[in-house]
C-alpha atoms as a PDB file:
ATOM      1  CA  UNK A   1     -66.770-137.902-106.546  1.00  0.00           C
ATOM      2  CA  UNK A   2     -68.004-136.222-103.366  1.00  0.00           C
ATOM      3  CA  UNK A   3     -70.976-134.758-105.243  1.00  0.00           C
ATOM      4  CA  UNK A   4     -72.074-138.247-106.235  1.00  0.00           C
ATOM      5  CA  UNK A   5     -71.927-139.438-102.641  1.00  0.00           C
ATOM      6  CA  UNK A   6     -73.698-136.348-101.278  1.00  0.00           C
ATOM      7  CA  UNK A   7     -76.512-136.550-103.829  1.00  0.00           C
ATOM      8  CA  UNK A   8     -77.017-140.267-103.095  1.00  0.00           C
ATOM      9  CA  UNK A   9     -77.198-139.589 -99.348  1.00  0.00           C
ATOM     10  CA  UNK A  10     -79.703-136.757 -99.892  1.00  0.00           C
ATOM     11  CA  UNK A  11     -81.863-138.832-102.212  1.00  0.00           C
ATOM     12  CA  UNK A  12     -81.894-141.732 -99.758  1.00  0.00           C
ATOM     13  CA  UNK A  13     -82.522-139.647 -96.635  1.00  0.00           C
ATOM     14  CA  UNK A  14     -85.217-137.444 -98.166  1.00  0.00           C
ATOM     15  CA  UNK A  15     -86.760-140.072-100.463  1.00  0.00           C
ATOM     16  CA  UNK A  16     -86.371-137.678-103.373  1.00  0.00           C
ATOM     17  CA  UNK A  17     -84.866-137.687-106.834  1.00  0.00           C
ATOM     18  CA  UNK A  18     -81.699-135.605-107.111  1.00  0.00           C
ATOM     19  CA  UNK A  19     -80.139-134.369-110.352  1.00  0.00           C
ATOM     20  CA  UNK A  20     -76.367-134.025-110.138  1.00  0.00           C
ATOM     21  CA  UNK A  21     -74.859-131.773-112.815  1.00  0.00           C
ATOM     22  CA  UNK A  22     -71.091-131.621-113.203  1.00  0.00           C
ATOM     23  CA  UNK A  23     -69.139-129.257-115.457  1.00  0.00           C
ATOM     24  CA  UNK A  24     -66.608-130.457-117.971  1.00  0.00           C
ATOM     25  CA  UNK A  25     -66.373-133.461-120.223  1.00  0.00           C
ATOM     26  CA  UNK A  26     -68.247-136.732-119.886  1.00  0.00           C
ATOM     27  CA  UNK A  27     -65.794-139.302-118.581  1.00  0.00           C
ATOM     28  CA  UNK A  28     -67.881-142.489-118.525  1.00  0.00           C
ATOM     29  CA  UNK A  29     -67.102-143.948-121.946  1.00  0.00           C
ATOM     30  CA  UNK A  30     -64.507-141.380-122.935  1.00  0.00           C
ATOM     31  CA  UNK A  31     -61.808-142.358-125.403  1.00  0.00           C
ATOM     32  CA  UNK A  32     -59.345-139.864-123.883  1.00  0.00           C
ATOM     33  CA  UNK A  33     -56.529-142.152-122.771  1.00  0.00           C
ATOM     34  CA  UNK A  34     -55.267-139.521-120.322  1.00  0.00           C
ATOM     35  CA  UNK A  35     -58.361-140.363-118.279  1.00  0.00           C
ATOM     36  CA  UNK A  36     -58.710-144.082-118.954  1.00  0.00           C
ATOM     37  CA  UNK A  37     -55.035-145.039-118.484  1.00  0.00           C
ATOM     38  CA  UNK A  38     -53.899-144.555-114.854  1.00  0.00           C
ATOM     39  CA  UNK A  39     -50.259-144.277-115.965  1.00  0.00           C
ATOM     40  CA  UNK A  40     -51.095-141.048-117.840  1.00  0.00           C
ATOM     41  CA  UNK A  41     -52.863-139.215-115.012  1.00  0.00           C
ATOM     42  CA  UNK A  42     -50.199-136.484-114.886  1.00  0.00           C
ATOM     43  CA  UNK A  43     -51.298-135.395-118.382  1.00  0.00           C
ATOM     44  CA  UNK A  44     -54.569-134.192-116.850  1.00  0.00           C
ATOM     45  CA  UNK A  45     -52.813-131.676-114.583  1.00  0.00           C
ATOM     46  CA  UNK A  46     -52.401-128.228-116.203  1.00  0.00           C
ATOM     47  CA  UNK A  47     -54.682-129.237-119.095  1.00  0.00           C
ATOM     48  CA  UNK A  48     -57.380-126.546-119.442  1.00  0.00           C
ATOM     49  CA  UNK A  49     -59.823-128.980-121.063  1.00  0.00           C
ATOM     50  CA  UNK A  50     -59.619-131.374-118.110  1.00  0.00           C
ATOM     51  CA  UNK A  51     -58.643-129.094-115.225  1.00  0.00           C
ATOM     52  CA  UNK A  52     -59.932-125.805-113.748  1.00  0.00           C
ATOM     53  CA  UNK A  53     -56.348-124.445-113.373  1.00  0.00           C
ATOM     54  CA  UNK A  54     -56.967-122.749-110.011  1.00  0.00           C
ATOM     55  CA  UNK A  55     -53.951-121.339-108.168  1.00  0.00           C
ATOM     56  CA  UNK A  56     -53.289-119.650-104.850  1.00  0.00           C
ATOM     57  CA  UNK A  57     -52.058-116.105-104.459  1.00  0.00           C
ATOM     58  CA  UNK A  58     -48.315-115.733-103.886  1.00  0.00           C
ATOM     59  CA  UNK A  59     -47.422-117.418-100.583  1.00  0.00           C
ATOM     60  CA  UNK A  60     -45.010-115.296 -98.547  1.00  0.00           C
ATOM     61  CA  UNK A  61     -43.999-118.266 -96.363  1.00  0.00           C
ATOM     62  CA  UNK A  62     -43.047-120.174 -99.538  1.00  0.00           C
ATOM     63  CA  UNK A  63     -40.783-117.566-101.152  1.00  0.00           C
ATOM     64  CA  UNK A  64     -43.802-116.008-102.910  1.00  0.00           C
ATOM     65  CA  UNK A  65     -44.494-119.170-104.894  1.00  0.00           C
ATOM     66  CA  UNK A  66     -47.917-119.644-106.444  1.00  0.00           C
ATOM     67  CA  UNK A  67     -49.311-123.120-105.821  1.00  0.00           C
ATOM     68  CA  UNK A  68     -51.444-124.989-108.364  1.00  0.00           C
ATOM     69  CA  UNK A  69     -54.617-126.535-106.977  1.00  0.00           C
ATOM     70  CA  UNK A  70     -55.878-129.678-108.672  1.00  0.00           C
ATOM     71  CA  UNK A  71     -59.591-129.548-109.479  1.00  0.00           C
ATOM     72  CA  UNK A  72     -60.564-131.613-112.502  1.00  0.00           C
ATOM     73  CA  UNK A  73     -63.508-130.930-114.842  1.00  0.00           C
ATOM     74  CA  UNK A  74     -65.726-133.888-115.609  1.00  0.00           C
ATOM     75  CA  UNK A  75     -67.887-136.612-114.184  1.00  0.00           C
ATOM     76  CA  UNK A  76     -66.369-137.658-110.877  1.00  0.00           C
ATOM     77  CA  UNK A  77     -64.396-134.444-110.519  1.00  0.00           C
ATOM     78  CA  UNK A  78     -60.863-134.670-109.210  1.00  0.00           C
ATOM     79  CA  UNK A  79     -61.022-138.462-108.950  1.00  0.00           C
ATOM     80  CA  UNK A  80     -60.093-138.553-112.626  1.00  0.00           C
ATOM     81  CA  UNK A  81     -56.666-136.985-112.048  1.00  0.00           C
ATOM     82  CA  UNK A  82     -55.664-138.884-108.947  1.00  0.00           C
ATOM     83  CA  UNK A  83     -54.357-141.933-110.850  1.00  0.00           C
ATOM     84  CA  UNK A  84     -57.933-143.263-110.659  1.00  0.00           C
ATOM     85  CA  UNK A  85     -57.276-144.098-107.011  1.00  0.00           C
ATOM     86  CA  UNK A  86     -60.057-144.386-104.456  1.00  0.00           C
ATOM     87  CA  UNK A  87     -59.906-144.605-100.678  1.00  0.00           C
ATOM     88  CA  UNK A  88     -63.202-144.801 -98.821  1.00  0.00           C
ATOM     89  CA  UNK A  89     -63.434-142.848 -95.600  1.00  0.00           C
ATOM     90  CA  UNK A  90     -64.495-144.331 -92.278  1.00  0.00           C
ATOM     91  CA  UNK A  91     -68.214-144.718 -91.511  1.00  0.00           C
ATOM     92  CA  UNK A  92     -68.234-142.055 -88.780  1.00  0.00           C
ATOM     93  CA  UNK A  93     -66.980-139.422 -91.224  1.00  0.00           C
END
């Protein structure tokens, strides 16, 4: 989602056309109910078709646990695995 906002700001400020390319599946009119039904958003996590599956290295302060990092593949990025929630930041940010 941040890429969409950044490209819009660039296009507006520079009076240019910007092409935004995102990896992964197209999510606009997708029939994948894991994306279109907010109640199923947890099915996106750990799904290699919908998620990049990035992890940290073992964290010594956390008993050497490896932490999964949620980065979704598809139009809108990680917005599609956050229960389709959206919170707009303040204007000064």
